[in-house]
Structure formats: C-alpha cells, structure tokens
N, C-alpha and C. Protein backbone atom coordinates (compact mmCIF):
# COMPACT_ATOMS: atom_id res chain seq x y z
N MET A 1 107.21 -33.59 89.94
CA MET A 1 107.28 -33.86 91.35
C MET A 1 107.97 -35.21 91.50
N ASN A 2 108.97 -35.25 92.31
CA ASN A 2 109.71 -36.49 92.45
C ASN A 2 109.06 -37.40 93.48
N GLY A 3 109.56 -38.54 93.67
CA GLY A 3 108.93 -39.57 94.49
C GLY A 3 108.85 -39.19 95.96
N ILE A 4 109.90 -38.52 96.47
CA ILE A 4 109.90 -38.16 97.88
C ILE A 4 108.81 -37.13 98.14
N GLU A 5 108.70 -36.19 97.23
CA GLU A 5 107.68 -35.15 97.43
C GLU A 5 106.29 -35.77 97.40
N LYS A 6 106.10 -36.77 96.53
CA LYS A 6 104.79 -37.42 96.46
C LYS A 6 104.51 -38.17 97.76
N ILE A 7 105.53 -38.82 98.24
CA ILE A 7 105.36 -39.57 99.49
C ILE A 7 105.04 -38.60 100.62
N LEU A 8 105.78 -37.49 100.68
CA LEU A 8 105.55 -36.48 101.72
C LEU A 8 104.14 -35.90 101.60
N GLU A 9 103.76 -35.66 100.37
CA GLU A 9 102.42 -35.08 100.16
C GLU A 9 101.36 -36.09 100.60
N HIS A 10 101.59 -37.34 100.26
CA HIS A 10 100.64 -38.38 100.64
C HIS A 10 100.57 -38.50 102.17
N ILE A 11 101.72 -38.50 102.82
CA ILE A 11 101.77 -38.60 104.30
C ILE A 11 101.07 -37.38 104.90
N SER A 12 101.34 -36.22 104.33
CA SER A 12 100.74 -34.98 104.84
C SER A 12 99.23 -35.03 104.69
N SER A 13 98.79 -35.56 103.53
CA SER A 13 97.35 -35.65 103.28
C SER A 13 96.70 -36.63 104.25
N GLU A 14 97.36 -37.78 104.47
CA GLU A 14 96.83 -38.77 105.41
C GLU A 14 96.83 -38.22 106.82
N SER A 15 97.87 -37.50 107.20
CA SER A 15 97.96 -36.90 108.54
C SER A 15 96.84 -35.90 108.75
N ALA A 16 96.60 -35.10 107.74
CA ALA A 16 95.54 -34.09 107.84
C ALA A 16 94.20 -34.77 108.01
N SER A 17 93.99 -35.87 107.25
CA SER A 17 92.73 -36.60 107.37
C SER A 17 92.60 -37.22 108.76
N GLU A 18 93.71 -37.82 109.21
CA GLU A 18 93.67 -38.43 110.55
C GLU A 18 93.44 -37.37 111.62
N CYS A 19 94.13 -36.24 111.49
CA CYS A 19 93.97 -35.14 112.48
C CYS A 19 92.53 -34.64 112.48
N ALA A 20 91.95 -34.52 111.26
CA ALA A 20 90.57 -34.04 111.16
C ALA A 20 89.63 -35.06 111.81
N ALA A 21 89.90 -36.36 111.56
CA ALA A 21 89.04 -37.41 112.15
C ALA A 21 89.17 -37.39 113.68
N ILE A 22 90.41 -37.27 114.18
CA ILE A 22 90.64 -37.23 115.64
C ILE A 22 89.95 -36.01 116.24
N ALA A 23 90.11 -34.84 115.55
CA ALA A 23 89.48 -33.60 116.04
C ALA A 23 87.96 -33.77 116.06
N ASN A 24 87.44 -34.41 115.00
CA ASN A 24 86.00 -34.63 114.91
C ASN A 24 85.53 -35.56 116.04
N ASP A 25 86.27 -36.67 116.26
CA ASP A 25 85.94 -37.61 117.34
C ASP A 25 86.01 -36.91 118.70
N ALA A 26 87.06 -36.09 118.87
CA ALA A 26 87.22 -35.36 120.13
C ALA A 26 86.06 -34.41 120.35
N ALA A 27 85.64 -33.71 119.29
CA ALA A 27 84.51 -32.76 119.40
C ALA A 27 83.24 -33.52 119.77
N GLU A 28 83.03 -34.69 119.12
CA GLU A 28 81.83 -35.49 119.43
C GLU A 28 81.87 -35.99 120.88
N GLU A 29 83.05 -36.43 121.32
CA GLU A 29 83.20 -36.91 122.70
C GLU A 29 82.94 -35.78 123.69
N CYS A 30 83.49 -34.60 123.36
CA CYS A 30 83.26 -33.42 124.23
C CYS A 30 81.77 -33.11 124.32
N GLU A 31 81.09 -33.18 123.19
CA GLU A 31 79.65 -32.88 123.17
C GLU A 31 78.88 -33.92 123.98
N ARG A 32 79.30 -35.21 123.81
CA ARG A 32 78.63 -36.28 124.57
C ARG A 32 78.83 -36.09 126.08
N VAL A 33 80.09 -35.78 126.48
CA VAL A 33 80.39 -35.55 127.90
C VAL A 33 79.62 -34.34 128.43
N ARG A 34 79.62 -33.25 127.62
CA ARG A 34 78.89 -32.04 128.01
C ARG A 34 77.41 -32.35 128.22
N ALA A 35 76.81 -33.11 127.28
CA ALA A 35 75.39 -33.47 127.37
C ALA A 35 75.14 -34.34 128.60
N GLU A 36 76.07 -35.28 128.85
CA GLU A 36 75.93 -36.16 130.00
C GLU A 36 75.96 -35.36 131.31
N TYR A 37 76.93 -34.44 131.40
CA TYR A 37 77.03 -33.60 132.61
C TYR A 37 75.83 -32.68 132.75
N ALA A 38 75.35 -32.17 131.62
CA ALA A 38 74.17 -31.29 131.66
C ALA A 38 72.97 -32.07 132.18
N LYS A 39 72.82 -33.32 131.71
CA LYS A 39 71.69 -34.15 132.18
C LYS A 39 71.86 -34.46 133.67
N ALA A 40 73.08 -34.82 134.08
CA ALA A 40 73.34 -35.12 135.50
C ALA A 40 73.05 -33.89 136.35
N GLU A 41 73.47 -32.72 135.84
CA GLU A 41 73.23 -31.47 136.55
C GLU A 41 71.72 -31.21 136.69
N GLN A 42 70.98 -31.44 135.60
CA GLN A 42 69.52 -31.26 135.63
C GLN A 42 68.88 -32.25 136.61
N ASP A 43 69.34 -33.52 136.54
CA ASP A 43 68.80 -34.54 137.45
C ASP A 43 69.05 -34.16 138.90
N GLN A 44 70.29 -33.70 139.18
CA GLN A 44 70.63 -33.30 140.55
C GLN A 44 69.79 -32.09 140.98
N TYR A 45 69.61 -31.13 140.07
CA TYR A 45 68.82 -29.93 140.36
C TYR A 45 67.38 -30.33 140.72
N TRP A 46 66.76 -31.20 139.90
CA TRP A 46 65.37 -31.59 140.16
C TRP A 46 65.25 -32.48 141.40
N ALA A 47 66.29 -33.27 141.66
CA ALA A 47 66.29 -34.08 142.89
C ALA A 47 66.31 -33.16 144.11
N MET A 48 67.13 -32.09 144.04
CA MET A 48 67.20 -31.13 145.14
C MET A 48 65.87 -30.38 145.28
N VAL A 49 65.28 -30.00 144.15
CA VAL A 49 63.98 -29.32 144.18
C VAL A 49 62.92 -30.22 144.82
N ASN A 50 62.90 -31.52 144.39
CA ASN A 50 61.93 -32.46 144.96
C ASN A 50 62.14 -32.67 146.45
N ASP A 51 63.43 -32.84 146.86
CA ASP A 51 63.73 -33.00 148.29
C ASP A 51 63.29 -31.77 149.07
N GLY A 52 63.59 -30.59 148.53
CA GLY A 52 63.20 -29.34 149.19
C GLY A 52 61.69 -29.21 149.30
N THR A 53 60.99 -29.60 148.23
CA THR A 53 59.52 -29.53 148.25
C THR A 53 58.96 -30.48 149.29
N LYS A 54 59.50 -31.71 149.34
CA LYS A 54 59.02 -32.68 150.33
C LYS A 54 59.29 -32.21 151.75
N GLU A 55 60.48 -31.65 151.98
CA GLU A 55 60.81 -31.13 153.32
C GLU A 55 59.89 -29.98 153.69
N ALA A 56 59.62 -29.09 152.71
CA ALA A 56 58.70 -27.97 152.96
C ALA A 56 57.30 -28.48 153.28
N GLU A 57 56.86 -29.53 152.58
CA GLU A 57 55.54 -30.11 152.84
C GLU A 57 55.50 -30.73 154.24
N ARG A 58 56.60 -31.42 154.61
CA ARG A 58 56.66 -32.02 155.96
C ARG A 58 56.61 -30.94 157.03
N ARG A 59 57.37 -29.86 156.81
CA ARG A 59 57.38 -28.76 157.78
C ARG A 59 56.00 -28.12 157.88
N LEU A 60 55.37 -27.92 156.74
CA LEU A 60 54.04 -27.32 156.72
C LEU A 60 53.05 -28.21 157.46
N GLU A 61 53.17 -29.52 157.25
CA GLU A 61 52.28 -30.47 157.95
C GLU A 61 52.50 -30.41 159.46
N ARG A 62 53.79 -30.37 159.88
CA ARG A 62 54.09 -30.28 161.31
C ARG A 62 53.55 -28.98 161.90
N LEU A 63 53.79 -27.87 161.18
CA LEU A 63 53.32 -26.58 161.68
C LEU A 63 51.80 -26.52 161.72
N THR A 64 51.14 -27.12 160.73
CA THR A 64 49.68 -27.15 160.71
C THR A 64 49.16 -27.96 161.89
N SER A 65 49.80 -29.11 162.17
CA SER A 65 49.40 -29.93 163.31
C SER A 65 49.58 -29.17 164.62
N LEU A 66 50.74 -28.50 164.75
CA LEU A 66 50.99 -27.72 165.96
C LEU A 66 49.98 -26.60 166.12
N ALA A 67 49.68 -25.92 165.01
CA ALA A 67 48.70 -24.82 165.07
C ALA A 67 47.33 -25.35 165.45
N ALA A 68 46.95 -26.52 164.90
CA ALA A 68 45.65 -27.11 165.24
C ALA A 68 45.60 -27.49 166.71
N LEU A 69 46.71 -28.05 167.22
CA LEU A 69 46.79 -28.44 168.63
C LEU A 69 46.69 -27.21 169.53
N GLU A 70 47.45 -26.16 169.19
CA GLU A 70 47.40 -24.92 169.97
C GLU A 70 46.00 -24.31 169.94
N SER A 71 45.37 -24.37 168.78
CA SER A 71 44.02 -23.84 168.64
C SER A 71 43.04 -24.61 169.53
N LYS A 72 43.17 -25.96 169.53
CA LYS A 72 42.31 -26.78 170.39
C LYS A 72 42.52 -26.44 171.86
N LYS A 73 43.80 -26.31 172.25
CA LYS A 73 44.10 -25.98 173.64
C LYS A 73 43.50 -24.64 174.02
N HIS A 74 43.61 -23.68 173.10
CA HIS A 74 43.06 -22.35 173.37
C HIS A 74 41.54 -22.40 173.50
N VAL A 75 40.90 -23.16 172.61
CA VAL A 75 39.42 -23.29 172.67
C VAL A 75 39.02 -23.96 173.97
N LEU A 76 39.72 -25.04 174.36
CA LEU A 76 39.38 -25.73 175.61
C LEU A 76 39.59 -24.84 176.82
N ALA A 77 40.68 -24.06 176.82
CA ALA A 77 40.92 -23.14 177.94
C ALA A 77 39.83 -22.09 178.01
N THR A 78 39.43 -21.57 176.84
CA THR A 78 38.37 -20.56 176.81
C THR A 78 37.05 -21.17 177.29
N GLN A 79 36.76 -22.39 176.85
CA GLN A 79 35.54 -23.06 177.30
C GLN A 79 35.56 -23.27 178.81
N GLN A 80 36.73 -23.68 179.34
CA GLN A 80 36.85 -23.89 180.78
C GLN A 80 36.63 -22.58 181.53
N ASP A 81 37.20 -21.49 181.00
CA ASP A 81 37.00 -20.17 181.62
C ASP A 81 35.53 -19.79 181.62
N MET A 82 34.84 -20.11 180.53
CA MET A 82 33.42 -19.78 180.44
C MET A 82 32.58 -20.60 181.42
N ILE A 83 32.96 -21.87 181.62
CA ILE A 83 32.25 -22.72 182.58
C ILE A 83 32.46 -22.18 183.99
N VAL A 84 33.71 -21.81 184.31
CA VAL A 84 34.01 -21.22 185.62
C VAL A 84 33.20 -19.94 185.81
N ALA A 85 33.14 -19.12 184.76
CA ALA A 85 32.37 -17.86 184.84
C ALA A 85 30.89 -18.15 185.03
N ALA A 86 30.37 -19.21 184.40
CA ALA A 86 28.96 -19.56 184.55
C ALA A 86 28.65 -19.94 186.00
N PHE A 87 29.54 -20.72 186.63
CA PHE A 87 29.32 -21.09 188.03
C PHE A 87 29.48 -19.88 188.96
N GLU A 88 30.41 -19.01 188.61
CA GLU A 88 30.58 -17.77 189.40
C GLU A 88 29.32 -16.92 189.31
N LEU A 89 28.74 -16.85 188.13
CA LEU A 89 27.50 -16.10 187.93
C LEU A 89 26.36 -16.73 188.73
N ALA A 90 26.31 -18.06 188.76
CA ALA A 90 25.28 -18.76 189.53
C ALA A 90 25.40 -18.42 191.02
N ALA A 91 26.64 -18.42 191.54
CA ALA A 91 26.85 -18.07 192.95
C ALA A 91 26.43 -16.63 193.22
N LYS A 92 26.78 -15.74 192.31
CA LYS A 92 26.42 -14.32 192.46
C LYS A 92 24.90 -14.15 192.45
N LYS A 93 24.22 -14.88 191.55
CA LYS A 93 22.76 -14.76 191.46
C LYS A 93 22.09 -15.29 192.72
N LEU A 94 22.64 -16.34 193.31
CA LEU A 94 22.08 -16.87 194.56
C LEU A 94 22.16 -15.82 195.67
N VAL A 95 23.32 -15.19 195.78
CA VAL A 95 23.52 -14.18 196.83
C VAL A 95 22.64 -12.95 196.58
N GLU A 96 22.34 -12.69 195.30
CA GLU A 96 21.57 -11.49 194.96
C GLU A 96 20.08 -11.77 194.75
N LEU A 97 19.60 -12.94 195.22
CA LEU A 97 18.16 -13.22 195.13
C LEU A 97 17.38 -12.12 195.85
N PRO A 98 16.13 -11.87 195.47
CA PRO A 98 15.31 -10.93 196.24
C PRO A 98 15.28 -11.37 197.71
N GLN A 99 15.20 -10.42 198.61
CA GLN A 99 15.37 -10.70 200.04
C GLN A 99 14.49 -11.84 200.54
N ALA A 100 13.21 -11.83 200.22
CA ALA A 100 12.29 -12.87 200.73
C ALA A 100 12.72 -14.25 200.22
N GLU A 101 13.10 -14.33 198.94
CA GLU A 101 13.54 -15.62 198.37
C GLU A 101 14.86 -16.08 199.00
N TYR A 102 15.75 -15.12 199.24
CA TYR A 102 17.06 -15.46 199.81
C TYR A 102 16.90 -15.97 201.25
N ILE A 103 16.02 -15.31 202.01
CA ILE A 103 15.77 -15.76 203.39
C ILE A 103 15.21 -17.18 203.38
N GLU A 104 14.25 -17.45 202.48
CA GLU A 104 13.67 -18.79 202.37
C GLU A 104 14.74 -19.81 201.95
N PHE A 105 15.60 -19.41 201.01
CA PHE A 105 16.70 -20.27 200.56
C PHE A 105 17.61 -20.63 201.74
N LEU A 106 18.00 -19.63 202.55
CA LEU A 106 18.88 -19.87 203.70
C LEU A 106 18.19 -20.75 204.74
N ALA A 107 16.90 -20.51 204.99
CA ALA A 107 16.15 -21.29 205.99
C ALA A 107 16.08 -22.76 205.55
N LYS A 108 15.82 -22.98 204.28
CA LYS A 108 15.75 -24.36 203.78
C LYS A 108 17.12 -25.04 203.83
N LEU A 109 18.17 -24.26 203.57
CA LEU A 109 19.54 -24.81 203.68
C LEU A 109 19.80 -25.29 205.11
N ALA A 110 19.44 -24.44 206.07
CA ALA A 110 19.67 -24.78 207.47
C ALA A 110 18.89 -26.04 207.85
N CYS A 111 17.63 -26.13 207.41
CA CYS A 111 16.80 -27.30 207.74
C CYS A 111 17.34 -28.57 207.11
N SER A 112 17.77 -28.50 205.86
CA SER A 112 18.25 -29.71 205.19
C SER A 112 19.58 -30.18 205.78
N ALA A 113 20.37 -29.26 206.33
CA ALA A 113 21.67 -29.65 206.91
C ALA A 113 21.54 -30.03 208.39
N SER A 114 20.43 -29.67 209.01
CA SER A 114 20.26 -29.91 210.45
C SER A 114 20.02 -31.39 210.75
N LEU A 115 20.74 -31.91 211.74
CA LEU A 115 20.56 -33.30 212.17
C LEU A 115 19.74 -33.38 213.45
N THR A 116 19.94 -32.40 214.34
CA THR A 116 19.28 -32.46 215.66
C THR A 116 18.26 -31.35 215.87
N GLY A 117 18.32 -30.31 215.07
CA GLY A 117 17.43 -29.16 215.28
C GLY A 117 17.92 -28.22 216.36
N THR A 118 19.13 -28.48 216.86
CA THR A 118 19.68 -27.64 217.94
C THR A 118 20.98 -26.94 217.52
N GLU A 119 21.32 -27.01 216.25
CA GLU A 119 22.58 -26.43 215.77
C GLU A 119 22.51 -24.90 215.77
N THR A 120 23.68 -24.32 215.50
CA THR A 120 23.80 -22.86 215.43
C THR A 120 24.01 -22.44 213.97
N ILE A 121 23.22 -21.45 213.54
CA ILE A 121 23.34 -20.90 212.19
C ILE A 121 24.38 -19.78 212.22
N ILE A 122 25.37 -19.87 211.34
CA ILE A 122 26.39 -18.82 211.23
C ILE A 122 26.28 -18.22 209.83
N LEU A 123 26.00 -16.94 209.76
CA LEU A 123 25.80 -16.25 208.48
C LEU A 123 26.98 -15.35 208.16
N SER A 124 27.02 -14.84 206.93
CA SER A 124 28.02 -13.83 206.57
C SER A 124 27.69 -12.55 207.33
N SER A 125 28.65 -11.66 207.48
CA SER A 125 28.40 -10.44 208.25
C SER A 125 27.28 -9.62 207.65
N SER A 126 27.22 -9.56 206.31
CA SER A 126 26.17 -8.79 205.64
C SER A 126 24.79 -9.39 205.90
N ASP A 127 24.67 -10.73 205.74
CA ASP A 127 23.38 -11.39 205.94
C ASP A 127 22.96 -11.33 207.41
N LEU A 128 23.90 -11.48 208.32
CA LEU A 128 23.61 -11.45 209.75
C LEU A 128 23.00 -10.12 210.16
N SER A 129 23.62 -9.03 209.69
CA SER A 129 23.12 -7.71 210.09
C SER A 129 21.80 -7.35 209.41
N ARG A 130 21.56 -7.85 208.21
CA ARG A 130 20.34 -7.48 207.48
C ARG A 130 19.12 -8.30 207.88
N PHE A 131 19.26 -9.61 208.00
CA PHE A 131 18.07 -10.42 208.28
C PHE A 131 18.39 -11.74 208.99
N GLY A 132 19.35 -11.73 209.89
CA GLY A 132 19.73 -12.94 210.62
C GLY A 132 18.57 -13.55 211.39
N ASN A 133 17.83 -12.70 212.13
CA ASN A 133 16.72 -13.22 212.94
C ASN A 133 15.59 -13.78 212.06
N GLU A 134 15.39 -13.19 210.91
CA GLU A 134 14.34 -13.69 210.00
C GLU A 134 14.70 -15.08 209.49
N VAL A 135 15.97 -15.30 209.17
CA VAL A 135 16.42 -16.61 208.71
C VAL A 135 16.22 -17.64 209.82
N LEU A 136 16.59 -17.27 211.04
CA LEU A 136 16.44 -18.17 212.19
C LEU A 136 14.97 -18.53 212.39
N GLY A 137 14.11 -17.52 212.38
CA GLY A 137 12.67 -17.77 212.58
C GLY A 137 12.09 -18.66 211.48
N ALA A 138 12.47 -18.38 210.22
CA ALA A 138 11.94 -19.16 209.10
C ALA A 138 12.42 -20.62 209.19
N ALA A 139 13.69 -20.83 209.56
CA ALA A 139 14.25 -22.19 209.66
C ALA A 139 13.55 -22.97 210.77
N ASN A 140 13.40 -22.37 211.94
CA ASN A 140 12.72 -23.06 213.04
C ASN A 140 11.27 -23.33 212.70
N SER A 141 10.63 -22.43 211.99
CA SER A 141 9.25 -22.62 211.57
C SER A 141 9.12 -23.83 210.64
N ILE A 142 10.04 -23.97 209.69
CA ILE A 142 10.02 -25.12 208.77
C ILE A 142 10.22 -26.42 209.55
N LEU A 143 11.20 -26.42 210.47
CA LEU A 143 11.46 -27.62 211.28
C LEU A 143 10.23 -27.99 212.09
N SER A 144 9.59 -27.00 212.68
CA SER A 144 8.40 -27.23 213.51
C SER A 144 7.26 -27.81 212.68
N ARG A 145 7.04 -27.26 211.49
CA ARG A 145 5.95 -27.73 210.61
C ARG A 145 6.17 -29.17 210.17
N THR A 146 7.41 -29.58 210.09
CA THR A 146 7.70 -30.95 209.66
C THR A 146 7.85 -31.89 210.85
N GLY A 147 7.53 -31.42 212.06
CA GLY A 147 7.55 -32.28 213.24
C GLY A 147 8.93 -32.56 213.80
N ARG A 148 9.90 -31.75 213.46
CA ARG A 148 11.26 -31.95 213.97
C ARG A 148 11.53 -30.97 215.10
N ASN A 149 12.57 -31.24 215.86
CA ASN A 149 12.99 -30.32 216.92
C ASN A 149 13.35 -28.98 216.29
N ALA A 150 12.80 -27.89 216.78
CA ALA A 150 13.01 -26.57 216.18
C ALA A 150 13.69 -25.65 217.18
N SER A 151 14.94 -25.96 217.53
CA SER A 151 15.66 -25.17 218.51
C SER A 151 16.98 -24.64 217.94
N LEU A 152 16.97 -24.28 216.67
CA LEU A 152 18.18 -23.69 216.08
C LEU A 152 18.45 -22.35 216.73
N SER A 153 19.72 -21.98 216.80
CA SER A 153 20.09 -20.66 217.34
C SER A 153 20.92 -19.92 216.29
N LEU A 154 21.14 -18.63 216.55
CA LEU A 154 21.88 -17.78 215.61
C LEU A 154 23.16 -17.29 216.26
N SER A 155 24.29 -17.50 215.60
CA SER A 155 25.57 -17.01 216.12
C SER A 155 25.67 -15.51 215.89
N ASP A 156 26.19 -14.81 216.91
CA ASP A 156 26.38 -13.36 216.72
C ASP A 156 27.73 -13.06 216.07
N LYS A 157 28.52 -14.11 215.83
CA LYS A 157 29.80 -13.94 215.13
C LYS A 157 29.62 -14.40 213.69
N PRO A 158 29.95 -13.54 212.72
CA PRO A 158 29.74 -13.92 211.32
C PRO A 158 30.82 -14.89 210.80
N ALA A 159 30.46 -15.59 209.74
CA ALA A 159 31.41 -16.47 209.06
C ALA A 159 32.04 -15.70 207.91
N ASP A 160 33.24 -16.08 207.55
CA ASP A 160 33.94 -15.42 206.44
C ASP A 160 33.50 -16.06 205.12
N ILE A 161 32.26 -15.82 204.75
CA ILE A 161 31.68 -16.34 203.52
C ILE A 161 30.92 -15.21 202.84
N ARG A 162 30.68 -15.32 201.53
CA ARG A 162 29.96 -14.24 200.86
C ARG A 162 28.45 -14.45 200.88
N GLY A 163 28.01 -15.65 201.15
CA GLY A 163 26.59 -15.95 201.21
C GLY A 163 26.38 -17.39 201.60
N GLY A 164 25.12 -17.74 201.87
CA GLY A 164 24.84 -19.08 202.36
C GLY A 164 25.02 -19.08 203.86
N LEU A 165 25.35 -20.24 204.43
CA LEU A 165 25.52 -20.31 205.89
C LEU A 165 26.40 -21.48 206.27
N ILE A 166 26.81 -21.47 207.53
CA ILE A 166 27.51 -22.60 208.14
C ILE A 166 26.59 -23.05 209.27
N LEU A 167 26.36 -24.36 209.37
CA LEU A 167 25.53 -24.88 210.46
C LEU A 167 26.45 -25.65 211.39
N SER A 168 26.55 -25.18 212.63
CA SER A 168 27.48 -25.76 213.58
C SER A 168 26.72 -26.46 214.71
N GLY A 169 27.10 -27.70 214.95
CA GLY A 169 26.51 -28.46 216.06
C GLY A 169 27.58 -29.25 216.75
N GLY A 170 28.11 -28.72 217.84
CA GLY A 170 29.18 -29.41 218.56
C GLY A 170 30.44 -29.45 217.71
N ASP A 171 30.91 -30.65 217.47
CA ASP A 171 32.14 -30.82 216.68
C ASP A 171 31.86 -30.89 215.18
N ILE A 172 30.60 -30.86 214.81
CA ILE A 172 30.24 -31.02 213.40
C ILE A 172 29.83 -29.68 212.80
N GLU A 173 30.42 -29.35 211.67
CA GLU A 173 30.04 -28.15 210.94
C GLU A 173 29.64 -28.54 209.52
N ALA A 174 28.50 -28.02 209.09
CA ALA A 174 28.08 -28.25 207.71
C ALA A 174 28.30 -26.95 206.96
N ASN A 175 29.17 -27.00 205.95
CA ASN A 175 29.47 -25.80 205.17
C ASN A 175 28.44 -25.69 204.05
N CYS A 176 27.47 -24.81 204.25
CA CYS A 176 26.43 -24.58 203.24
C CYS A 176 26.61 -23.19 202.63
N SER A 177 27.86 -22.74 202.57
CA SER A 177 28.12 -21.44 201.93
C SER A 177 27.84 -21.57 200.44
N VAL A 178 27.51 -20.47 199.82
CA VAL A 178 27.20 -20.47 198.39
C VAL A 178 28.40 -21.02 197.59
N ASP A 179 29.59 -20.58 197.94
CA ASP A 179 30.77 -21.05 197.20
C ASP A 179 30.97 -22.56 197.36
N SER A 180 30.73 -23.07 198.57
CA SER A 180 30.87 -24.49 198.81
C SER A 180 29.82 -25.28 198.03
N LEU A 181 28.58 -24.78 198.02
CA LEU A 181 27.52 -25.47 197.28
C LEU A 181 27.80 -25.50 195.78
N VAL A 182 28.24 -24.36 195.25
CA VAL A 182 28.54 -24.29 193.81
C VAL A 182 29.70 -25.22 193.49
N SER A 183 30.72 -25.23 194.33
CA SER A 183 31.88 -26.09 194.12
C SER A 183 31.48 -27.56 194.19
N GLN A 184 30.59 -27.89 195.12
CA GLN A 184 30.14 -29.27 195.31
C GLN A 184 29.44 -29.81 194.05
N TYR A 185 28.67 -28.95 193.39
CA TYR A 185 27.92 -29.40 192.22
C TYR A 185 28.65 -29.15 190.89
N ARG A 186 29.81 -28.50 190.96
CA ARG A 186 30.51 -28.14 189.72
C ARG A 186 30.86 -29.37 188.87
N ASN A 187 31.47 -30.38 189.49
CA ASN A 187 31.86 -31.58 188.72
C ASN A 187 30.65 -32.26 188.10
N GLU A 188 29.59 -32.35 188.88
CA GLU A 188 28.38 -33.03 188.41
C GLU A 188 27.71 -32.25 187.28
N LEU A 189 27.70 -30.92 187.40
CA LEU A 189 26.93 -30.11 186.46
C LEU A 189 27.76 -29.55 185.30
N SER A 190 29.08 -29.62 185.39
CA SER A 190 29.93 -29.05 184.32
C SER A 190 29.59 -29.58 182.94
N PRO A 191 29.39 -30.90 182.75
CA PRO A 191 29.04 -31.38 181.41
C PRO A 191 27.73 -30.77 180.89
N ARG A 192 26.74 -30.61 181.78
CA ARG A 192 25.46 -30.02 181.35
C ARG A 192 25.63 -28.54 181.01
N VAL A 193 26.43 -27.85 181.82
CA VAL A 193 26.70 -26.44 181.54
C VAL A 193 27.42 -26.29 180.21
N ALA A 194 28.42 -27.16 179.99
CA ALA A 194 29.17 -27.12 178.72
C ALA A 194 28.24 -27.38 177.54
N ALA A 195 27.33 -28.35 177.71
CA ALA A 195 26.40 -28.65 176.62
C ALA A 195 25.51 -27.45 176.32
N GLU A 196 25.07 -26.77 177.37
CA GLU A 196 24.22 -25.58 177.18
C GLU A 196 25.00 -24.45 176.51
N LEU A 197 26.25 -24.30 176.90
CA LEU A 197 27.06 -23.19 176.38
C LEU A 197 27.58 -23.43 174.96
N PHE A 198 27.96 -24.68 174.66
CA PHE A 198 28.73 -24.90 173.44
C PHE A 198 28.06 -25.77 172.38
N GLU A 199 26.86 -26.26 172.64
CA GLU A 199 26.21 -27.09 171.62
C GLU A 199 25.04 -26.36 170.99
C-alpha cells in the first residue's frame, strides 16, 4: 500500500469516526429534545387537567349555592302559603261556629266596637236572613247588662262580607268582618303561627 492510499485510508477512518460521533451526538440531542418536549407536553396536559378540575369545582360550588338558594326560597314560599292557609282556615272556622256561639261572637263584636250604643249592625246576607234579630237582641242585652246605652239597630241591607259584621254610626264605620279581623291580627300572630307550624 503506498503512502497516498494510507493517507486516504487514515482520512476515511477518521471521517467515519467523526461521522459516527456526530451521528451519536445528534441522536443524543434528539433524545434530549424529545424528552424535554414530552415533559413539557405532560406538564401542559396536567396544568390543563388541574385548571379544568378547578373550574369544574367552581361551577359545582356556584350551582350548589344557587340550588340551596332556590331551595330556601321554595321552602319560604311554601311556609308563607301554609301560614296564609292557616289564617284562611281560622276565618272559615269562625264563620262555621255552632249557631249559638256564632251569635254570641257577633253580639260581642258589636258591643266592643260600639261607641254610643246607637249604631247600626250590618250583617252578611246569609247571617242577616238566618239570625239577624237574635244578634241584635243579644248585643243590646250585653250593652244593657253593662250599663251602656242599648239602642243598636239592624240594617235590612246586607254587607258584602262572608261573616262578622260592620257597625255603622253616622260617618263612622267599624269593619268587624271576619276577613278584616283575621287580616288585622295576621302580622301580629304570623310569627306564633309559624312557630306552631314549623318548629
């Protein structure tokens, strides 16, 4: 082998070694870059998962709060309906008292509302036709027993009420209808009714 061939062989051998080293370095760099991107990809994936989980938790919390608020509103509305129904039942029971008790109730209403003892009792059409004169007699009797003027009269025209009475004296009218009485005491008694119903 002559000198040129040896030199060429030596150069070729060095080139092959250098090429192998470069290829090896390139492969290692590729692997490092691949690993780096894989880690970045994993980090980004888990960051997105964490963000999504946090957003889902926030949404769930908001929806739970809204559901709790709606539930409270519904419970309060139902409780209010039950209180209204309780007062409606009270008014109905007053109107449906046994006749003797109802007459006494109306007579006492007239006496407690009377200022002069000369007012006019106005009843519902049903009460007027059934026992108007009895209410008048009982009211005047109570006034007389207590030493007051007992000159109440009975209107032959009924009031547009379902029960109770209206006491009219000149320009002054006392609304003692059952609905008016129940309404008058509703604010005062609602807390007690609620306590009885819901505690």
